[in-house]
Protein backbone atom coordinates (compact mmCIF):
# COMPACT_ATOMS: atom_id res chain seq x y z
CA MET A 1 22.54 -67.86 -131.63
CA GLY A 2 22.56 -65.32 -128.81
CA GLU A 3 20.02 -63.10 -130.53
CA GLU A 4 17.64 -66.03 -131.06
CA LEU A 5 18.00 -67.02 -127.41
CA LYS A 6 17.43 -63.45 -126.30
CA GLU A 7 14.29 -63.21 -128.43
CA LYS A 8 13.05 -66.46 -126.92
CA LEU A 9 13.79 -65.67 -123.27
CA PHE A 10 13.49 -61.89 -122.84
CA HIS A 11 10.24 -59.99 -122.31
CA PRO A 12 10.88 -56.69 -124.09
CA LYS A 13 8.68 -53.63 -123.63
CA GLU A 14 8.33 -52.52 -127.23
CA ASN A 15 6.70 -49.38 -128.52
CA GLY A 16 3.29 -50.53 -129.70
CA TRP A 17 3.23 -48.17 -132.68
CA LYS A 18 6.21 -50.04 -134.12
CA ASN A 19 4.09 -52.98 -135.28
CA THR A 20 0.84 -51.11 -135.93
CA ASP A 21 -0.31 -51.18 -139.54
CA GLU A 22 -2.32 -48.38 -141.13
CA THR A 23 -5.67 -50.15 -140.72
CA LYS A 24 -5.24 -50.60 -136.99
CA LYS A 25 -3.84 -47.08 -136.67
CA GLN A 26 -7.07 -45.72 -138.12
CA GLU A 27 -9.10 -47.81 -135.66
CA ILE A 28 -6.99 -46.42 -132.81
CA PHE A 29 -7.49 -42.84 -133.97
CA LYS A 30 -11.24 -43.35 -134.44
CA LEU A 31 -11.71 -44.67 -130.92
CA SER A 32 -9.59 -41.83 -129.53
CA LYS A 33 -11.60 -39.21 -131.40
CA ASN A 34 -14.82 -40.58 -129.92
CA TYR A 35 -13.21 -40.74 -126.49
CA MET A 36 -12.15 -37.09 -126.64
CA ALA A 37 -15.64 -36.03 -127.72
CA PHE A 38 -17.09 -38.01 -124.79
CA LEU A 39 -14.68 -36.39 -122.34
CA ASN A 40 -15.79 -32.93 -123.44
CA GLN A 41 -19.36 -33.88 -122.51
CA ALA A 42 -18.50 -35.69 -119.27
CA LYS A 43 -16.09 -33.79 -117.07
CA THR A 44 -17.83 -34.68 -113.80
CA GLU A 45 -19.14 -37.94 -112.37
CA ARG A 46 -22.78 -36.85 -112.86
CA GLU A 47 -22.13 -35.94 -116.49
CA PHE A 48 -20.32 -39.22 -117.16
CA ILE A 49 -23.17 -41.29 -115.71
CA LYS A 50 -25.72 -39.27 -117.69
CA GLN A 51 -23.87 -40.00 -120.95
CA ALA A 52 -23.29 -43.65 -119.97
CA ARG A 53 -27.00 -44.14 -119.34
CA LYS A 54 -27.88 -42.68 -122.75
CA LEU A 55 -25.38 -45.04 -124.37
CA ALA A 56 -26.72 -48.03 -122.44
CA ASP A 57 -30.33 -47.23 -123.35
CA ALA A 58 -29.35 -46.96 -127.01
CA ASN A 59 -27.68 -50.39 -126.89
CA GLY A 60 -30.53 -52.39 -125.41
CA TYR A 61 -29.83 -52.08 -121.70
CA LYS A 62 -32.69 -51.49 -119.26
CA ASP A 63 -32.93 -50.49 -115.63
CA ILE A 64 -32.95 -53.67 -113.54
CA ILE A 65 -36.06 -52.35 -111.79
CA GLU A 66 -37.99 -52.93 -115.06
CA PHE A 67 -37.33 -56.70 -114.95
CA GLU A 68 -39.36 -59.19 -112.96
CA THR A 69 -37.11 -62.10 -113.97
CA LEU A 70 -33.75 -62.37 -115.74
CA LYS A 71 -32.36 -64.86 -118.24
CA PRO A 72 -29.07 -65.25 -120.14
CA GLY A 73 -28.51 -62.40 -122.59
CA ASP A 74 -30.50 -59.81 -120.63
CA LYS A 75 -28.77 -56.43 -120.36
CA VAL A 76 -29.37 -54.51 -117.14
CA TYR A 77 -28.09 -51.50 -115.25
CA PHE A 78 -28.63 -49.63 -112.03
CA VAL A 79 -27.88 -45.93 -111.53
CA ASN A 80 -26.96 -44.98 -107.98
CA ARG A 81 -27.93 -41.37 -107.16
CA GLU A 82 -26.79 -40.15 -110.60
CA LYS A 83 -23.12 -40.50 -109.61
CA SER A 84 -22.29 -44.19 -110.02
CA MET A 85 -23.62 -46.96 -112.22
CA TYR A 86 -23.42 -50.74 -112.57
CA LEU A 87 -24.13 -52.58 -115.83
CA ALA A 88 -24.38 -56.31 -116.50
CA ILE A 89 -25.10 -58.88 -119.18
CA ILE A 90 -26.41 -62.16 -117.79
CA GLY A 91 -24.12 -65.02 -118.87
CA GLU A 92 -24.87 -68.49 -120.18
CA ASN A 93 -23.07 -70.10 -117.24
CA SER A 94 -24.60 -70.03 -113.79
CA ILE A 95 -23.78 -66.84 -111.94
CA GLU A 96 -22.78 -69.13 -109.06
CA ASP A 97 -19.64 -69.86 -111.08
CA GLY A 98 -18.70 -66.22 -110.64
CA MET A 99 -18.87 -63.00 -112.62
CA HIS A 100 -16.29 -61.23 -114.77
CA ILE A 101 -16.14 -57.70 -113.37
CA ILE A 102 -14.38 -54.60 -114.64
CA GLY A 103 -14.45 -51.66 -112.25
CA SER A 104 -13.32 -48.09 -112.81
CA HIS A 105 -14.19 -44.74 -111.28
CA VAL A 106 -15.63 -41.62 -112.87
CA ASP A 107 -14.72 -38.97 -110.28
CA SER A 108 -11.53 -36.95 -110.73
CA PRO A 109 -9.56 -34.43 -108.65
CA ARG A 110 -11.19 -31.01 -108.75
CA LEU A 111 -12.36 -28.07 -106.65
CA ASP A 112 -15.78 -28.12 -104.95
CA LEU A 113 -17.64 -25.00 -103.83
CA LYS A 114 -17.94 -24.65 -100.07
CA PRO A 115 -21.51 -24.69 -98.66
CA ASN A 116 -21.43 -20.88 -98.25
CA PRO A 117 -19.14 -19.94 -101.12
CA LEU A 118 -19.97 -16.39 -102.20
CA TYR A 119 -18.19 -13.36 -100.75
CA GLU A 120 -16.91 -9.93 -101.77
CA ASP A 121 -13.51 -8.38 -101.04
CA THR A 122 -12.35 -4.92 -102.21
CA GLY A 123 -14.46 -4.85 -105.34
CA PHE A 124 -14.11 -8.49 -106.40
CA ALA A 125 -16.62 -11.31 -105.95
CA TYR A 126 -15.30 -14.80 -105.24
CA PHE A 127 -16.42 -18.37 -104.67
CA LYS A 128 -14.66 -20.19 -101.84
CA THR A 129 -13.61 -23.73 -102.74
CA HIS A 130 -12.52 -26.94 -101.03
CA TYR A 131 -10.26 -29.15 -103.13
CA TYR A 132 -11.32 -32.76 -103.79
CA GLY A 133 -8.74 -35.52 -104.11
CA GLY A 134 -4.98 -35.28 -104.35
CA ILE A 135 -3.97 -32.17 -106.25
CA LYS A 136 -0.94 -29.93 -106.58
CA LYS A 137 -2.66 -26.71 -105.58
CA TYR A 138 -0.39 -24.39 -107.60
CA GLN A 139 -1.49 -26.13 -110.83
CA TRP A 140 -5.03 -24.79 -110.39
CA THR A 141 -4.13 -21.10 -110.53
CA THR A 142 -4.13 -18.88 -113.66
CA ILE A 143 -5.93 -21.39 -115.87
CA PRO A 144 -9.44 -21.16 -117.38
CA LEU A 145 -11.98 -22.88 -115.14
CA SER A 146 -15.62 -23.82 -115.60
CA ILE A 147 -18.46 -24.57 -113.17
CA HIS A 148 -20.46 -27.81 -113.41
CA GLY A 149 -23.05 -29.38 -111.17
CA VAL A 150 -26.51 -29.14 -109.71
CA ILE A 151 -28.45 -26.87 -107.38
CA VAL A 152 -31.43 -28.46 -105.62
CA LYS A 153 -34.15 -26.31 -104.10
CA THR A 154 -36.21 -27.31 -101.07
CA ASN A 155 -39.24 -27.93 -103.33
CA GLY A 156 -37.24 -30.64 -105.15
CA GLU A 157 -36.49 -28.60 -108.26
CA LYS A 158 -33.07 -29.54 -109.61
CA ILE A 159 -31.12 -27.04 -111.69
CA ASP A 160 -28.28 -28.26 -113.91
CA VAL A 161 -25.38 -25.84 -114.19
CA THR A 162 -22.62 -25.75 -116.81
CA ILE A 163 -20.81 -22.44 -117.28
CA GLY A 164 -17.52 -21.98 -119.10
CA GLU A 165 -17.57 -24.74 -121.72
CA ASP A 166 -19.35 -22.92 -124.56
CA GLU A 167 -17.20 -20.38 -126.38
CA ASN A 168 -19.84 -17.74 -125.66
CA ASP A 169 -19.72 -18.47 -121.91
CA PRO A 170 -17.53 -16.57 -119.47
CA ILE A 171 -14.79 -18.56 -117.76
CA PHE A 172 -13.37 -18.19 -114.26
CA THR A 173 -9.90 -18.34 -112.75
CA ILE A 174 -7.89 -18.40 -109.54
CA THR A 175 -5.31 -15.63 -109.36
CA ASP A 176 -1.64 -15.87 -108.39
CA LEU A 177 1.09 -13.35 -107.55
CA LEU A 178 3.18 -11.75 -110.24
CA PRO A 179 6.88 -12.77 -110.05
CA HIS A 180 7.87 -9.22 -109.13
CA LEU A 181 6.01 -9.48 -105.81
CA ALA A 182 6.40 -13.19 -105.15
CA GLN A 183 9.79 -13.29 -103.45
CA GLU A 184 8.44 -14.62 -100.14
CA GLN A 185 6.04 -17.01 -101.87
CA MET A 186 8.84 -18.48 -103.98
CA GLU A 187 10.89 -19.22 -100.87
CA LYS A 188 8.20 -21.60 -99.65
CA LYS A 189 8.12 -25.31 -100.34
CA LEU A 190 6.24 -26.08 -103.53
CA LYS A 191 3.33 -27.73 -101.69
CA ASN A 192 2.83 -24.55 -99.62
CA GLY A 193 3.20 -22.01 -102.42
CA ILE A 194 -0.59 -21.86 -102.74
CA GLU A 195 -2.67 -22.52 -99.63
CA GLY A 196 -5.94 -24.43 -99.85
CA GLU A 197 -7.85 -21.49 -98.38
CA ASP A 198 -6.51 -19.26 -101.16
CA LEU A 199 -8.04 -21.33 -103.97
CA ASN A 200 -10.81 -18.77 -104.38
CA LEU A 201 -12.52 -18.46 -107.74
CA LEU A 202 -12.73 -14.96 -109.22
CA ILE A 203 -16.29 -14.53 -110.53
CA GLY A 204 -17.06 -10.82 -110.98
CA SER A 205 -16.29 -7.15 -110.36
CA ILE A 206 -19.24 -4.95 -111.43
CA PRO A 207 -21.15 -3.38 -108.48
CA TYR A 208 -24.93 -3.24 -108.28
CA GLN A 209 -26.06 0.31 -109.02
CA ASP A 210 -27.44 1.38 -105.66
CA LYS A 211 -25.39 3.64 -103.40
CA LYS A 212 -27.32 2.64 -100.29
CA VAL A 213 -26.49 -1.09 -100.26
CA SER A 214 -23.28 -2.79 -99.16
CA ASP A 215 -21.57 -5.74 -100.90
CA LYS A 216 -22.56 -4.31 -104.24
CA VAL A 217 -20.53 -6.75 -106.36
CA LYS A 218 -21.85 -9.77 -104.45
CA LEU A 219 -25.38 -8.43 -104.84
CA ASN A 220 -24.89 -7.99 -108.58
CA ILE A 221 -23.64 -11.58 -108.94
CA LEU A 222 -26.59 -12.93 -106.93
CA ASN A 223 -28.97 -10.85 -109.03
CA ILE A 224 -27.49 -12.33 -112.23
CA LEU A 225 -27.81 -15.87 -110.83
CA ASN A 226 -31.34 -15.20 -109.60
CA GLN A 227 -32.43 -13.98 -113.02
CA LYS A 228 -30.82 -16.94 -114.80
CA TYR A 229 -31.54 -19.78 -112.37
CA GLY A 230 -34.12 -18.43 -109.93
CA ILE A 231 -31.86 -19.08 -106.94
CA THR A 232 -30.92 -17.11 -103.83
CA GLU A 233 -27.78 -17.38 -101.71
CA VAL A 234 -29.21 -20.04 -99.39
CA ASP A 235 -29.67 -22.42 -102.36
CA PHE A 236 -25.89 -22.90 -102.52
CA THR A 237 -26.19 -24.91 -99.31
CA SER A 238 -28.01 -27.69 -101.19
CA SER A 239 -25.85 -27.71 -104.30
CA GLU A 240 -23.00 -29.76 -105.71
CA LEU A 241 -20.99 -27.37 -107.85
CA GLU A 242 -17.60 -28.49 -109.11
CA ILE A 243 -14.80 -26.38 -110.57
CA VAL A 244 -12.98 -28.11 -113.41
CA PRO A 245 -10.60 -26.95 -116.16
CA ALA A 246 -12.29 -25.38 -119.16
CA PHE A 247 -9.73 -27.05 -121.44
CA ARG A 248 -11.04 -29.22 -124.26
CA ALA A 249 -9.63 -32.68 -124.87
CA ARG A 250 -7.13 -32.43 -127.71
CA SER A 251 -4.70 -34.54 -129.70
CA LEU A 252 -1.14 -33.98 -128.53
CA GLY A 253 2.04 -33.94 -130.62
CA PHE A 254 2.87 -33.35 -134.27
CA ASP A 255 2.04 -37.01 -134.87
CA GLU A 256 -1.20 -36.73 -132.83
CA SER A 257 -0.17 -39.90 -130.99
CA MET A 258 -1.33 -38.73 -127.55
CA ILE A 259 -4.35 -37.22 -125.84
CA ALA A 260 -4.26 -34.24 -123.49
CA ALA A 261 -7.40 -33.84 -121.38
CA TYR A 262 -8.73 -33.22 -117.90
CA GLY A 263 -10.02 -36.19 -115.90
CA GLN A 264 -8.38 -39.08 -117.73
CA ASP A 265 -7.84 -40.56 -114.26
CA ASP A 266 -9.98 -42.55 -114.44
CA LYS A 267 -12.34 -41.71 -117.26
CA VAL A 268 -9.98 -43.27 -119.80
CA CYS A 269 -10.57 -46.70 -118.23
CA ALA A 270 -14.24 -46.00 -117.55
CA TYR A 271 -14.85 -45.01 -121.17
CA THR A 272 -12.97 -47.92 -122.74
CA SER A 273 -14.65 -50.47 -120.45
CA LEU A 274 -18.05 -48.91 -121.15
CA MET A 275 -17.47 -49.02 -124.92
CA ALA A 276 -16.29 -52.63 -124.69
CA MET A 277 -19.46 -53.45 -122.73
CA MET A 278 -21.56 -51.98 -125.52
CA GLU A 279 -19.92 -54.42 -127.98
CA LEU A 280 -21.09 -57.49 -126.04
CA ASP A 281 -24.20 -59.53 -126.73
CA HIS A 282 -23.92 -63.03 -125.32
CA VAL A 283 -21.23 -63.97 -122.81
CA LYS A 284 -20.30 -67.18 -121.02
CA ASN A 285 -19.89 -65.63 -117.60
CA THR A 286 -22.06 -62.76 -116.38
CA ALA A 287 -20.21 -59.58 -117.37
CA VAL A 288 -20.34 -56.60 -115.02
CA CYS A 289 -19.11 -53.05 -115.56
CA ILE A 290 -18.69 -50.78 -112.51
CA LEU A 291 -18.58 -47.00 -112.90
CA SER A 292 -17.92 -45.89 -109.34
CA ASP A 293 -17.70 -42.56 -107.53
CA LYS A 294 -15.58 -41.17 -104.67
CA GLU A 295 -12.44 -43.22 -105.42
CA GLU A 296 -10.29 -40.11 -105.21
CA VAL A 297 -11.33 -39.60 -101.57
CA GLY A 298 -11.26 -43.21 -100.39
CA SER A 299 -14.38 -44.69 -102.04
CA MET A 300 -16.48 -43.66 -99.05
CA GLY A 301 -20.17 -42.68 -99.01
CA ASN A 302 -23.20 -44.28 -100.58
CA THR A 303 -21.95 -43.69 -104.14
CA GLY A 304 -18.47 -45.06 -103.43
CA MET A 305 -17.43 -48.70 -103.60
CA GLU A 306 -17.24 -49.00 -99.80
CA SER A 307 -21.04 -48.78 -99.72
CA HIS A 308 -23.33 -51.80 -100.13
CA MET A 309 -24.99 -50.44 -103.29
CA PHE A 310 -23.04 -52.77 -105.59
CA ASP A 311 -23.96 -55.70 -103.34
CA PHE A 312 -27.59 -54.60 -103.72
CA PHE A 313 -27.27 -54.66 -107.52
CA VAL A 314 -25.81 -58.17 -107.54
CA SER A 315 -28.43 -59.34 -105.03
CA GLU A 316 -31.15 -57.99 -107.31
CA MET A 317 -29.71 -60.04 -110.18
CA LEU A 318 -29.76 -63.13 -107.96
CA ASN A 319 -33.36 -62.38 -106.91
CA LYS A 320 -34.52 -61.93 -110.49
CA LEU A 321 -32.66 -65.01 -111.65
CA GLN A 322 -34.78 -66.69 -108.96
CA ILE A 323 -31.82 -68.48 -107.39
CA ASN A 324 -31.01 -66.32 -104.37
CA ARG A 325 -30.47 -67.99 -101.02
CA PRO A 326 -28.47 -67.29 -97.85
CA ASN A 327 -24.74 -66.77 -98.49
CA LEU A 328 -25.07 -67.03 -102.28
CA LEU A 329 -23.89 -63.43 -102.70
CA ASP A 330 -20.70 -64.29 -100.82
CA LYS A 331 -20.18 -67.36 -103.00
CA VAL A 332 -20.62 -65.38 -106.22
CA PHE A 333 -18.00 -62.84 -105.16
CA CYS A 334 -15.57 -65.58 -104.08
CA PHE A 335 -15.68 -67.22 -107.52
CA SER A 336 -15.56 -63.97 -109.53
CA LYS A 337 -12.68 -62.42 -111.45
CA MET A 338 -12.07 -58.68 -111.71
CA LEU A 339 -9.95 -56.12 -113.49
CA SER A 340 -9.68 -52.98 -111.39
CA SER A 341 -9.43 -50.68 -114.36
CA ASP A 342 -7.59 -47.70 -112.97
CA VAL A 343 -4.76 -45.71 -114.51
CA ASP A 344 -1.07 -46.22 -113.82
CA ALA A 345 1.73 -43.66 -113.46
CA GLY A 346 3.40 -43.26 -116.83
CA PHE A 347 7.21 -43.07 -116.94
CA ASP A 348 8.35 -39.49 -117.53
CA PRO A 349 12.04 -39.22 -118.56
CA ILE A 350 12.20 -35.66 -117.20
CA TYR A 351 11.40 -37.03 -113.74
CA SER A 352 13.01 -40.46 -114.10
CA SER A 353 14.50 -40.42 -110.58
CA VAL A 354 11.16 -41.42 -108.98
CA SER A 355 10.70 -44.52 -111.13
CA ASP A 356 12.29 -47.93 -111.46
CA LYS A 357 12.71 -48.20 -115.22
CA THR A 358 12.48 -51.98 -115.22
CA ASN A 359 9.06 -51.85 -113.51
CA ALA A 360 7.62 -48.57 -114.82
CA GLY A 361 4.62 -48.15 -117.08
CA PHE A 362 5.56 -46.58 -120.42
CA LEU A 363 3.23 -44.68 -122.71
CA GLY A 364 2.72 -46.43 -126.02
CA LYS A 365 3.72 -49.86 -124.72
CA GLY A 366 0.28 -51.26 -123.97
CA ILE A 367 -2.01 -51.89 -121.05
CA ALA A 368 -0.40 -51.78 -117.60
CA LEU A 369 -0.97 -54.62 -115.14
CA VAL A 370 -0.21 -53.56 -111.56
CA LYS A 371 0.07 -56.67 -109.39
CA TYR A 372 0.02 -54.63 -106.18
CA THR A 373 -0.37 -51.01 -105.16
CA GLY A 374 0.00 -49.62 -101.64
CA ALA A 375 2.97 -47.72 -100.23
CA ARG A 376 6.37 -48.55 -98.73
CA GLY A 377 6.08 -52.21 -97.63
CA LYS A 378 2.95 -52.73 -99.77
CA SER A 379 0.92 -51.06 -97.02
CA GLY A 380 -2.76 -51.06 -97.96
CA ALA A 381 -2.08 -53.08 -101.10
CA SER A 382 -4.32 -55.46 -102.97
CA ASP A 383 -1.74 -57.99 -104.18
CA ALA A 384 -2.94 -60.29 -106.98
CA ASN A 385 -2.12 -63.99 -106.67
CA ALA A 386 0.36 -65.42 -109.17
CA GLU A 387 -2.25 -67.87 -110.47
CA TYR A 388 -4.59 -65.03 -111.36
CA VAL A 389 -1.82 -62.95 -112.97
CA ALA A 390 -1.05 -65.95 -115.17
CA TRP A 391 -4.73 -66.31 -116.09
CA VAL A 392 -4.91 -62.65 -117.15
CA ARG A 393 -1.62 -62.93 -119.06
CA ASN A 394 -3.06 -65.87 -120.98
CA VAL A 395 -6.10 -63.83 -122.02
CA LEU A 396 -3.87 -61.01 -123.25
CA GLU A 397 -1.33 -63.18 -125.05
CA LYS A 398 -3.81 -65.32 -126.94
CA ASN A 399 -5.55 -62.11 -128.12
CA ASN A 400 -2.21 -60.51 -129.13
CA ILE A 401 -2.71 -57.57 -126.76
CA GLN A 402 0.48 -55.84 -125.69
CA TYR A 403 0.88 -55.50 -121.93
CA GLN A 404 3.43 -54.48 -119.30
CA LEU A 405 3.76 -55.39 -115.61
CA THR A 406 4.38 -52.23 -113.60
CA GLU A 407 4.73 -50.59 -110.20
CA LEU A 408 3.68 -47.11 -109.08
CA GLY A 409 7.15 -45.57 -108.66
CA LYS A 410 10.20 -46.62 -106.66
CA VAL A 411 9.93 -48.35 -103.32
CA ASP A 412 9.57 -45.78 -100.49
CA ILE A 413 9.04 -42.94 -102.98
CA GLY A 414 5.27 -42.97 -103.16
CA GLY A 415 2.36 -45.28 -103.68
CA GLY A 416 -1.35 -45.29 -104.29
CA GLY A 417 -4.50 -47.34 -104.26
CA THR A 418 -7.61 -48.17 -106.25
CA ILE A 419 -10.91 -49.94 -105.64
CA ALA A 420 -9.16 -53.31 -106.07
CA TYR A 421 -8.92 -54.06 -102.35
CA ILE A 422 -12.67 -53.61 -101.84
CA LEU A 423 -13.62 -56.48 -104.14
CA ALA A 424 -10.58 -58.48 -103.05
CA ASN A 425 -11.90 -58.25 -99.49
CA LYS A 426 -15.07 -59.98 -100.72
CA GLY A 427 -12.98 -62.89 -102.02
CA THR A 428 -12.74 -61.86 -105.69
CA ASP A 429 -9.54 -62.34 -107.70
CA VAL A 430 -8.47 -58.81 -108.67
CA ILE A 431 -5.60 -57.13 -110.49
CA ASP A 432 -5.22 -53.47 -111.40
CA CYS A 433 -5.24 -53.06 -115.16
CA GLY A 434 -5.24 -49.63 -116.81
CA VAL A 435 -3.69 -46.97 -118.99
CA PRO A 436 -0.36 -45.28 -118.12
CA VAL A 437 -0.79 -41.51 -117.65
CA LEU A 438 1.58 -38.56 -117.54
CA CYS A 439 0.76 -35.62 -115.24
CA MET A 440 -1.74 -37.70 -113.25
CA HIS A 441 -4.12 -35.56 -111.12
CA ALA A 442 -3.09 -32.39 -112.97
CA PRO A 443 -5.66 -30.22 -114.75
CA TYR A 444 -4.34 -31.62 -118.04
CA GLU A 445 -3.31 -35.29 -118.18
CA VAL A 446 -1.61 -37.14 -121.04
CA THR A 447 -2.22 -40.64 -122.43
CA SER A 448 -1.13 -42.54 -125.53
CA LYS A 449 -3.82 -43.34 -128.07
CA TYR A 450 -2.21 -46.74 -128.52
CA ASP A 451 -2.72 -47.57 -124.84
CA VAL A 452 -6.31 -46.30 -124.89
CA TYR A 453 -7.07 -48.77 -127.66
CA ALA A 454 -5.17 -51.53 -125.85
CA ALA A 455 -7.41 -50.94 -122.82
CA TYR A 456 -10.51 -51.33 -124.98
CA GLU A 457 -9.12 -54.56 -126.49
CA THR A 458 -8.20 -55.88 -123.03
CA TYR A 459 -11.60 -55.29 -121.47
CA LEU A 460 -13.41 -56.80 -124.44
CA ALA A 461 -11.20 -59.90 -124.37
CA PHE A 462 -11.64 -60.31 -120.61
CA TRP A 463 -15.43 -60.30 -120.86
CA LYS A 464 -15.44 -62.68 -123.81
CA GLU A 465 -13.23 -65.20 -121.98
């Protein structure tokens, strides 16, 4: 009697693998294999958008600029400065009834080169860096690092750079003290053990063979770069070069149930939403996929969600549907629904003291719905209305998708934010909905393959609703 009542009334968080048959397990592993391969090709926001555009082109999407008019079923996209992208399928229902939007971000914490990065010190050549996003600085020392990005010359020539990913490439690293000499360093607080100004990338040590010149190692490095890319030192000032881990995405565990990879915040949600978008043909409500930039630094700038570039994309759809009029854009946003598809902090039993177990996101227990983010007294939070939470729950439950309602750590311990508030400020119903992650913002992050697949199922079901 009691057990039946408990089964009826309780909402257990069960391990998703428990009820996964072999057929579904193979589907999960197949999606995860493709995801890991994609991650290895898309470690930066530019690389992700490049791969996303190729995928969109192959699946019948076209740049919205190519359309004079739009009709239901048309597949469109807009690429914003090669670092963010918006995709849409025009729905059967009037867009005035609102859109179904899924928004993730494709930038991740990393190190950027300073505008004047190259210097020499006692026989070593270094690049100076400036960290991007919230990192634990000590995690970025003594690991293999690669360089990705672009250098743009004043004549408009753009040079793509990727060094350290191919097995025949050199890699780079940031040095740290040996324990024998680190007594003073190890007395410091963890956050101060490595200073931001000391995150300098070691890039060479052979001097140029000319006794008359100074800075011989720096000169030799510049000579190598000039021969390979045709650049001089001043060209660094118009470059975007990012330092990211040279690690490959790999299956984790004897059972291969997890994924270890750099940049899963938030590429795991970006990839699964993108792949779900590619599965769609005809939808009732106009489906929109946002792949945004700059979330890790506040969504600022003209490639971040604080800009009006997404508004421009939606306005272009309204123009080419030939229905635009004053205030229609506002109306469309006010009647739209959105999943802010960003990752959640996964519960780590080794560090359980920072989490409330009853409200934590667990790996392997399905997609995480985060009703509100923010810090302390929900400061800066986008807090989803109960009516909308119920609507999303209904979508998940009728599609048999396992989910969990979570918070980002204990009250007063921490907090965080996503792009949810930006669309909520426009009047859209929004809830955060993503994959729980261990080691978030570290050079190597961990997710469950079960949750990755649950995200894909969730986003597909949301758009089909």
